[in-house]
């Protein structure tokens, strides 16, 4: 029976949980996730967890922080002057915003704390610092990436 290898395009149903059992994402009720194994489209631990699976196989994988979204980075938490927010906006803890840097790149942030003069913004991925658990089911191996040989 064919097993998943790096370069294969696969379809996977998944249920992602934190180590406390709470769900953060699932493909239930949706199309399975389709991606190319080893291409960097998913976190490294997910890639390695799917590698070697056969169609129809189900398994649970545990992904440590370093193979998921990495540790929380203190330099991605910043204070932002409250008076720089739009006048009609009331910042609240947990609110998600999009910011842009000087190069015009947008990135998501979450408000962690609201103080009188400043707002504490966190640009870490929401799952940074977390070990993850995935229940996986390999639905299909769609095909391999074509091998291109250049002279």
N, C-alpha and C. Protein backbone atom coordinates (compact mmCIF):
# COMPACT_ATOMS: atom_id res chain seq x y z
N UNK A 1 0.84 -1.19 0.00
CA UNK A 1 0.00 0.00 0.00
C UNK A 1 0.89 1.25 0.00
N UNK A 2 0.51 2.22 -0.81
CA UNK A 2 1.31 3.44 -0.96
C UNK A 2 1.31 4.25 0.33
N UNK A 3 2.49 4.72 0.72
CA UNK A 3 2.63 5.56 1.90
C UNK A 3 3.06 6.97 1.48
N UNK A 4 2.64 7.94 2.25
CA UNK A 4 2.95 9.34 1.97
C UNK A 4 4.45 9.59 2.09
N UNK A 5 4.97 10.30 1.08
CA UNK A 5 6.37 10.71 1.07
C UNK A 5 6.44 12.21 0.81
N UNK A 6 7.58 12.77 1.12
CA UNK A 6 7.80 14.19 0.81
C UNK A 6 7.60 14.41 -0.68
N UNK A 7 6.88 15.48 -1.03
CA UNK A 7 6.59 15.79 -2.41
C UNK A 7 5.21 15.34 -2.84
N UNK A 8 4.57 14.43 -2.06
CA UNK A 8 3.21 13.99 -2.39
C UNK A 8 2.22 15.10 -2.06
N UNK A 9 1.19 15.23 -2.88
CA UNK A 9 0.07 16.11 -2.58
C UNK A 9 -0.98 15.22 -1.91
N UNK A 10 -1.46 15.62 -0.73
CA UNK A 10 -2.37 14.78 0.04
C UNK A 10 -3.62 15.55 0.47
N UNK A 11 -4.65 14.79 0.83
CA UNK A 11 -5.85 15.36 1.45
C UNK A 11 -6.01 14.69 2.81
N UNK A 12 -6.15 15.53 3.84
CA UNK A 12 -6.19 15.05 5.22
C UNK A 12 -7.33 15.70 5.98
N UNK A 13 -8.11 14.88 6.69
CA UNK A 13 -9.04 15.43 7.68
C UNK A 13 -8.28 15.52 8.99
N UNK A 14 -8.55 16.56 9.75
CA UNK A 14 -7.82 16.76 11.01
C UNK A 14 -8.72 17.38 12.07
N UNK A 15 -8.32 17.16 13.31
CA UNK A 15 -8.94 17.80 14.47
C UNK A 15 -7.78 18.26 15.34
N UNK A 16 -7.57 19.59 15.41
CA UNK A 16 -6.46 20.15 16.18
C UNK A 16 -6.91 20.56 17.56
N UNK A 17 -6.12 20.12 18.56
CA UNK A 17 -6.45 20.43 19.96
C UNK A 17 -5.19 20.91 20.69
N UNK A 18 -5.43 21.64 21.77
CA UNK A 18 -4.36 21.97 22.70
C UNK A 18 -4.20 20.79 23.64
N UNK A 19 -3.14 20.78 24.43
CA UNK A 19 -2.91 19.65 25.33
C UNK A 19 -3.98 19.54 26.43
N UNK A 20 -4.75 20.61 26.66
CA UNK A 20 -5.84 20.54 27.64
C UNK A 20 -7.12 19.95 27.03
N UNK A 21 -7.04 19.58 25.73
CA UNK A 21 -8.18 18.95 25.06
C UNK A 21 -9.09 19.92 24.31
N UNK A 22 -8.87 21.23 24.47
CA UNK A 22 -9.74 22.20 23.79
C UNK A 22 -9.38 22.27 22.30
N UNK A 23 -10.42 22.32 21.46
CA UNK A 23 -10.25 22.35 20.01
C UNK A 23 -9.92 23.76 19.55
N UNK A 24 -8.91 23.89 18.66
CA UNK A 24 -8.62 25.19 18.05
C UNK A 24 -8.96 25.20 16.56
N UNK A 25 -9.06 24.02 15.91
CA UNK A 25 -9.42 23.97 14.50
C UNK A 25 -9.78 22.54 14.14
N UNK A 26 -10.62 22.40 13.11
CA UNK A 26 -11.02 21.08 12.64
C UNK A 26 -11.53 21.20 11.21
N UNK A 27 -11.33 20.13 10.45
CA UNK A 27 -11.86 20.12 9.08
C UNK A 27 -13.25 19.50 9.04
N UNK A 28 -13.80 19.15 10.19
CA UNK A 28 -15.13 18.54 10.24
C UNK A 28 -16.15 19.44 9.56
N UNK A 29 -16.94 18.85 8.66
CA UNK A 29 -17.96 19.60 7.95
C UNK A 29 -17.42 20.40 6.78
N UNK A 30 -16.12 20.27 6.51
CA UNK A 30 -15.48 20.98 5.40
C UNK A 30 -14.73 19.97 4.54
N UNK A 31 -14.22 20.47 3.43
CA UNK A 31 -13.35 19.64 2.59
C UNK A 31 -12.07 19.34 3.37
N UNK A 32 -11.43 18.20 3.12
CA UNK A 32 -10.16 17.93 3.80
C UNK A 32 -9.10 18.94 3.38
N UNK A 33 -8.11 19.11 4.22
CA UNK A 33 -6.99 19.99 3.93
C UNK A 33 -6.13 19.33 2.86
N UNK A 34 -5.82 20.08 1.80
CA UNK A 34 -4.97 19.57 0.72
C UNK A 34 -3.67 20.36 0.73
N UNK A 35 -2.54 19.66 0.73
CA UNK A 35 -1.24 20.32 0.72
C UNK A 35 -0.17 19.38 0.19
N UNK A 36 0.97 19.96 -0.16
CA UNK A 36 2.10 19.18 -0.62
C UNK A 36 3.04 18.95 0.56
N UNK A 37 3.28 17.69 0.87
CA UNK A 37 4.13 17.31 2.01
C UNK A 37 5.56 17.80 1.76
N UNK A 38 6.12 18.46 2.76
CA UNK A 38 7.51 18.92 2.68
C UNK A 38 7.70 20.25 2.00
N UNK A 39 6.61 20.91 1.60
CA UNK A 39 6.73 22.18 0.87
C UNK A 39 6.67 23.40 1.77
N UNK A 40 6.44 23.20 3.07
CA UNK A 40 6.35 24.34 3.98
C UNK A 40 4.97 24.95 4.06
N UNK A 41 3.95 24.30 3.47
CA UNK A 41 2.59 24.84 3.50
C UNK A 41 1.93 24.64 4.87
N UNK A 42 2.41 23.67 5.64
CA UNK A 42 1.89 23.41 6.99
C UNK A 42 3.06 23.41 7.96
N UNK A 43 2.78 23.41 9.25
CA UNK A 43 3.85 23.40 10.25
C UNK A 43 4.65 22.10 10.13
N UNK A 44 5.94 22.14 10.48
CA UNK A 44 6.81 20.98 10.30
C UNK A 44 6.29 19.69 10.97
N UNK A 45 5.75 19.79 12.17
CA UNK A 45 5.26 18.60 12.88
C UNK A 45 4.08 17.95 12.18
N UNK A 46 3.27 18.74 11.49
CA UNK A 46 2.13 18.21 10.73
C UNK A 46 2.66 17.45 9.52
N UNK A 47 3.63 18.04 8.81
CA UNK A 47 4.28 17.39 7.67
C UNK A 47 4.83 16.03 8.07
N UNK A 48 5.64 16.01 9.13
CA UNK A 48 6.27 14.75 9.53
C UNK A 48 5.25 13.76 10.07
N UNK A 49 4.16 14.26 10.65
CA UNK A 49 3.11 13.36 11.17
C UNK A 49 2.35 12.64 10.07
N UNK A 50 2.20 13.27 8.93
CA UNK A 50 1.48 12.68 7.79
C UNK A 50 2.39 11.72 7.01
N UNK A 51 3.69 12.02 7.00
CA UNK A 51 4.64 11.20 6.25
C UNK A 51 4.59 9.75 6.74
N UNK A 52 4.47 8.82 5.79
CA UNK A 52 4.42 7.39 6.11
C UNK A 52 3.01 6.84 6.27
N UNK A 53 2.00 7.72 6.31
CA UNK A 53 0.62 7.25 6.44
C UNK A 53 0.12 6.65 5.13
N UNK A 54 -0.86 5.74 5.22
CA UNK A 54 -1.51 5.15 4.06
C UNK A 54 -2.95 5.65 4.00
N UNK A 55 -3.54 5.66 2.81
CA UNK A 55 -4.92 6.12 2.64
C UNK A 55 -5.85 5.34 3.56
N UNK A 56 -6.71 6.08 4.28
CA UNK A 56 -7.66 5.47 5.21
C UNK A 56 -7.11 5.36 6.63
N UNK A 57 -5.81 5.52 6.79
CA UNK A 57 -5.20 5.41 8.12
C UNK A 57 -5.58 6.61 8.98
N UNK A 58 -5.79 6.33 10.28
CA UNK A 58 -6.06 7.38 11.26
C UNK A 58 -5.02 7.28 12.35
N UNK A 59 -4.58 8.43 12.86
CA UNK A 59 -3.66 8.42 13.99
C UNK A 59 -3.68 9.77 14.69
N UNK A 60 -3.16 9.78 15.90
CA UNK A 60 -3.04 11.00 16.69
C UNK A 60 -1.56 11.33 16.81
N UNK A 61 -1.23 12.60 16.55
CA UNK A 61 0.16 13.03 16.67
C UNK A 61 0.26 14.17 17.68
N UNK A 62 1.37 14.20 18.39
CA UNK A 62 1.67 15.28 19.34
C UNK A 62 2.79 16.11 18.74
N UNK A 63 2.56 17.41 18.62
CA UNK A 63 3.54 18.29 18.00
C UNK A 63 4.07 19.27 19.05
N UNK A 64 5.36 19.18 19.38
CA UNK A 64 5.92 20.13 20.35
C UNK A 64 6.02 21.53 19.76
N UNK A 65 6.10 22.51 20.63
CA UNK A 65 6.17 23.93 20.26
C UNK A 65 7.13 24.18 19.11
N UNK A 66 8.33 23.60 19.19
CA UNK A 66 9.37 23.88 18.19
C UNK A 66 9.04 23.34 16.80
N UNK A 67 8.10 22.39 16.70
CA UNK A 67 7.68 21.87 15.40
C UNK A 67 6.30 22.40 15.01
N UNK A 68 5.80 23.34 15.84
CA UNK A 68 4.48 23.95 15.58
C UNK A 68 4.72 25.41 15.20
N UNK A 69 4.26 26.34 16.04
CA UNK A 69 4.38 27.77 15.74
C UNK A 69 5.49 28.44 16.53
N UNK A 70 6.32 27.64 17.20
CA UNK A 70 7.46 28.16 17.95
C UNK A 70 7.06 28.78 19.27
N UNK A 71 8.06 29.18 20.05
CA UNK A 71 7.78 29.81 21.34
C UNK A 71 7.28 31.24 21.15
N UNK A 72 6.60 31.75 22.17
CA UNK A 72 6.20 33.15 22.14
C UNK A 72 7.46 34.01 22.14
N UNK A 73 7.44 35.08 21.36
CA UNK A 73 8.60 35.97 21.27
C UNK A 73 8.24 37.32 21.90
N UNK A 74 8.98 37.67 22.95
CA UNK A 74 8.71 38.92 23.67
C UNK A 74 8.80 40.15 22.77
N UNK A 75 9.69 40.10 21.75
CA UNK A 75 9.86 41.27 20.88
C UNK A 75 8.65 41.50 19.98
N UNK A 76 7.72 40.54 19.93
CA UNK A 76 6.50 40.71 19.13
C UNK A 76 5.34 41.28 19.96
N UNK A 77 5.63 41.62 21.21
CA UNK A 77 4.65 42.29 22.07
C UNK A 77 5.10 43.74 22.20
N UNK A 78 4.20 44.67 21.87
CA UNK A 78 4.61 46.08 21.84
C UNK A 78 3.54 46.98 22.43
N UNK A 79 4.00 48.09 22.99
CA UNK A 79 3.08 49.11 23.47
C UNK A 79 2.81 50.07 22.33
N UNK A 80 1.55 50.45 22.20
CA UNK A 80 1.14 51.35 21.11
C UNK A 80 0.36 52.49 21.75
N UNK A 81 0.66 53.73 21.41
CA UNK A 81 -0.05 54.86 22.02
C UNK A 81 -1.56 54.79 21.73
N UNK A 82 -2.33 54.92 22.77
CA UNK A 82 -3.78 54.82 22.62
C UNK A 82 -4.34 55.94 21.74
N UNK A 83 -3.69 57.11 21.76
CA UNK A 83 -4.20 58.23 20.96
C UNK A 83 -3.93 58.05 19.46
N UNK A 84 -3.23 56.96 19.07
CA UNK A 84 -2.99 56.69 17.64
C UNK A 84 -4.10 55.81 17.06
N UNK A 85 -5.01 55.34 17.90
CA UNK A 85 -6.17 54.58 17.43
C UNK A 85 -7.20 55.56 16.87
N UNK A 86 -8.04 55.14 15.93
CA UNK A 86 -9.11 56.02 15.45
C UNK A 86 -9.98 56.50 16.62
N UNK A 87 -10.43 57.73 16.56
CA UNK A 87 -11.20 58.32 17.66
C UNK A 87 -12.46 57.54 17.99
N UNK A 88 -13.08 56.91 16.98
CA UNK A 88 -14.34 56.19 17.22
C UNK A 88 -14.11 54.72 17.61
N UNK A 89 -12.87 54.32 17.81
CA UNK A 89 -12.58 52.93 18.16
C UNK A 89 -12.28 52.80 19.64
N UNK A 90 -12.94 51.84 20.28
CA UNK A 90 -12.70 51.58 21.69
C UNK A 90 -11.92 50.26 21.79
N UNK A 91 -10.60 50.33 22.06
CA UNK A 91 -9.81 49.10 22.14
C UNK A 91 -10.23 48.24 23.33
N UNK A 92 -10.37 46.93 23.08
CA UNK A 92 -10.76 45.99 24.12
C UNK A 92 -9.84 44.78 24.09
N UNK A 93 -9.56 44.21 25.26
CA UNK A 93 -8.72 43.01 25.37
C UNK A 93 -9.32 41.89 24.52
N UNK A 94 -8.46 41.23 23.72
CA UNK A 94 -8.90 40.14 22.86
C UNK A 94 -9.26 40.57 21.46
N UNK A 95 -9.40 41.87 21.23
CA UNK A 95 -9.75 42.38 19.91
C UNK A 95 -8.60 42.09 18.94
N UNK A 96 -8.94 41.62 17.73
CA UNK A 96 -7.93 41.35 16.72
C UNK A 96 -7.91 42.50 15.72
N UNK A 97 -6.70 42.95 15.39
CA UNK A 97 -6.52 44.07 14.47
C UNK A 97 -5.48 43.70 13.43
N UNK A 98 -5.45 44.42 12.35
CA UNK A 98 -4.38 44.30 11.37
C UNK A 98 -3.57 45.59 11.40
N UNK A 99 -2.26 45.43 11.46
CA UNK A 99 -1.36 46.58 11.46
C UNK A 99 -0.48 46.48 10.22
N UNK A 100 0.19 47.56 9.89
CA UNK A 100 1.16 47.49 8.80
C UNK A 100 2.47 48.08 9.28
N UNK A 101 3.57 47.50 8.76
CA UNK A 101 4.88 48.02 9.14
C UNK A 101 5.31 49.07 8.12
N UNK A 102 6.48 49.61 8.28
CA UNK A 102 6.97 50.66 7.39
C UNK A 102 7.15 50.21 5.95
N UNK A 103 7.25 48.87 5.74
CA UNK A 103 7.44 48.33 4.38
C UNK A 103 6.11 48.01 3.71
N UNK A 104 5.01 48.35 4.37
CA UNK A 104 3.70 48.12 3.78
C UNK A 104 3.16 46.71 3.96
N UNK A 105 3.82 45.90 4.77
CA UNK A 105 3.34 44.54 5.03
C UNK A 105 2.31 44.58 6.17
N UNK A 106 1.20 43.87 5.97
CA UNK A 106 0.19 43.77 7.01
C UNK A 106 0.44 42.54 7.87
N UNK A 107 0.11 42.65 9.16
CA UNK A 107 0.23 41.52 10.07
C UNK A 107 -0.83 41.64 11.16
N UNK A 108 -1.35 40.50 11.61
CA UNK A 108 -2.39 40.53 12.64
C UNK A 108 -1.80 40.72 14.04
N UNK A 109 -2.53 41.42 14.88
CA UNK A 109 -2.17 41.58 16.29
C UNK A 109 -3.42 41.40 17.14
N UNK A 110 -3.20 41.06 18.40
CA UNK A 110 -4.30 40.92 19.36
C UNK A 110 -4.02 41.87 20.52
N UNK A 111 -5.04 42.56 20.98
CA UNK A 111 -4.90 43.45 22.13
C UNK A 111 -4.84 42.59 23.40
N UNK A 112 -3.74 42.70 24.13
CA UNK A 112 -3.55 41.93 25.37
C UNK A 112 -3.89 42.73 26.62
N UNK A 113 -3.72 44.05 26.54
CA UNK A 113 -3.97 44.89 27.71
C UNK A 113 -4.28 46.31 27.25
N UNK A 114 -5.22 46.95 27.93
CA UNK A 114 -5.56 48.34 27.62
C UNK A 114 -5.27 49.17 28.86
N UNK A 115 -4.38 50.16 28.69
CA UNK A 115 -4.03 51.06 29.78
C UNK A 115 -4.50 52.46 29.40
N UNK A 116 -4.34 53.41 30.31
CA UNK A 116 -4.84 54.75 30.06
C UNK A 116 -4.19 55.39 28.83
N UNK A 117 -2.86 55.29 28.71
CA UNK A 117 -2.16 55.96 27.61
C UNK A 117 -1.69 55.01 26.50
N UNK A 118 -1.62 53.71 26.80
CA UNK A 118 -1.10 52.77 25.81
C UNK A 118 -1.97 51.51 25.74
N UNK A 119 -1.77 50.78 24.63
CA UNK A 119 -2.43 49.49 24.43
C UNK A 119 -1.33 48.49 24.14
N UNK A 120 -1.37 47.34 24.81
CA UNK A 120 -0.37 46.30 24.61
C UNK A 120 -0.85 45.38 23.48
N UNK A 121 -0.05 45.33 22.39
CA UNK A 121 -0.40 44.53 21.21
C UNK A 121 0.54 43.33 21.11
N UNK A 122 -0.01 42.19 20.73
CA UNK A 122 0.77 40.95 20.60
C UNK A 122 0.67 40.46 19.15
N UNK A 123 1.82 40.41 18.46
CA UNK A 123 1.87 39.95 17.07
C UNK A 123 2.29 38.48 16.95
N UNK A 124 2.43 37.78 18.09
CA UNK A 124 2.73 36.35 18.04
C UNK A 124 1.56 35.61 17.40
N UNK A 125 1.85 34.48 16.73
CA UNK A 125 0.77 33.63 16.24
C UNK A 125 -0.05 33.20 17.45
N UNK A 126 -1.38 33.10 17.34
CA UNK A 126 -2.21 32.73 18.49
C UNK A 126 -1.83 31.38 19.11
N UNK A 127 -1.21 30.49 18.33
CA UNK A 127 -0.81 29.18 18.87
C UNK A 127 0.67 29.11 19.23
N UNK A 128 1.38 30.24 19.17
CA UNK A 128 2.79 30.26 19.57
C UNK A 128 2.88 29.88 21.05
N UNK A 129 3.89 29.10 21.39
CA UNK A 129 4.08 28.69 22.78
C UNK A 129 3.26 27.49 23.19
N UNK A 130 2.51 26.90 22.25
CA UNK A 130 1.62 25.77 22.57
C UNK A 130 2.11 24.48 21.93
N UNK A 131 2.05 23.39 22.71
CA UNK A 131 2.18 22.05 22.15
C UNK A 131 0.82 21.70 21.56
N UNK A 132 0.80 21.04 20.41
CA UNK A 132 -0.46 20.76 19.72
C UNK A 132 -0.68 19.26 19.57
N UNK A 133 -1.95 18.86 19.51
CA UNK A 133 -2.34 17.48 19.29
C UNK A 133 -3.28 17.44 18.09
N UNK A 134 -3.00 16.57 17.14
CA UNK A 134 -3.86 16.43 15.96
C UNK A 134 -4.33 15.00 15.80
N UNK A 135 -5.63 14.82 15.61
CA UNK A 135 -6.19 13.55 15.15
C UNK A 135 -6.23 13.66 13.63
N UNK A 136 -5.57 12.74 12.94
CA UNK A 136 -5.46 12.80 11.48
C UNK A 136 -6.13 11.61 10.82
N UNK A 137 -6.65 11.84 9.63
CA UNK A 137 -7.13 10.76 8.76
C UNK A 137 -6.68 11.10 7.34
N UNK A 138 -5.86 10.21 6.76
CA UNK A 138 -5.40 10.43 5.39
C UNK A 138 -6.51 9.99 4.45
N UNK A 139 -7.07 10.94 3.72
CA UNK A 139 -8.20 10.70 2.82
C UNK A 139 -7.71 10.26 1.44
N UNK A 140 -6.65 10.92 0.94
CA UNK A 140 -6.23 10.63 -0.42
C UNK A 140 -4.80 11.10 -0.63
N UNK A 141 -4.06 10.35 -1.44
CA UNK A 141 -2.78 10.82 -1.97
C UNK A 141 -3.10 11.23 -3.40
N UNK A 142 -3.13 12.53 -3.65
CA UNK A 142 -3.59 13.08 -4.92
C UNK A 142 -2.55 12.84 -6.02
N UNK A 143 -1.30 13.00 -5.69
CA UNK A 143 -0.25 12.80 -6.69
C UNK A 143 1.07 13.32 -6.19
N UNK A 144 2.10 12.99 -6.90
CA UNK A 144 3.43 13.45 -6.56
C UNK A 144 3.76 14.72 -7.34
N UNK A 145 4.61 15.51 -6.75
CA UNK A 145 5.15 16.67 -7.45
C UNK A 145 6.06 16.13 -8.56
N UNK A 146 5.93 16.64 -9.76
CA UNK A 146 6.77 16.14 -10.84
C UNK A 146 8.24 16.43 -10.57
N UNK A 147 9.08 15.47 -10.87
CA UNK A 147 10.52 15.63 -10.70
C UNK A 147 11.07 16.39 -11.91
N UNK A 148 11.69 17.50 -11.65
CA UNK A 148 12.26 18.31 -12.74
C UNK A 148 13.76 18.20 -12.67
N UNK A 149 14.36 17.69 -13.72
CA UNK A 149 15.81 17.57 -13.77
C UNK A 149 16.32 18.60 -14.77
N UNK A 150 17.24 19.43 -14.32
CA UNK A 150 17.80 20.44 -15.22
C UNK A 150 19.23 20.04 -15.57
N UNK A 151 19.61 20.25 -16.81
CA UNK A 151 20.96 19.87 -17.25
C UNK A 151 22.03 20.77 -16.64
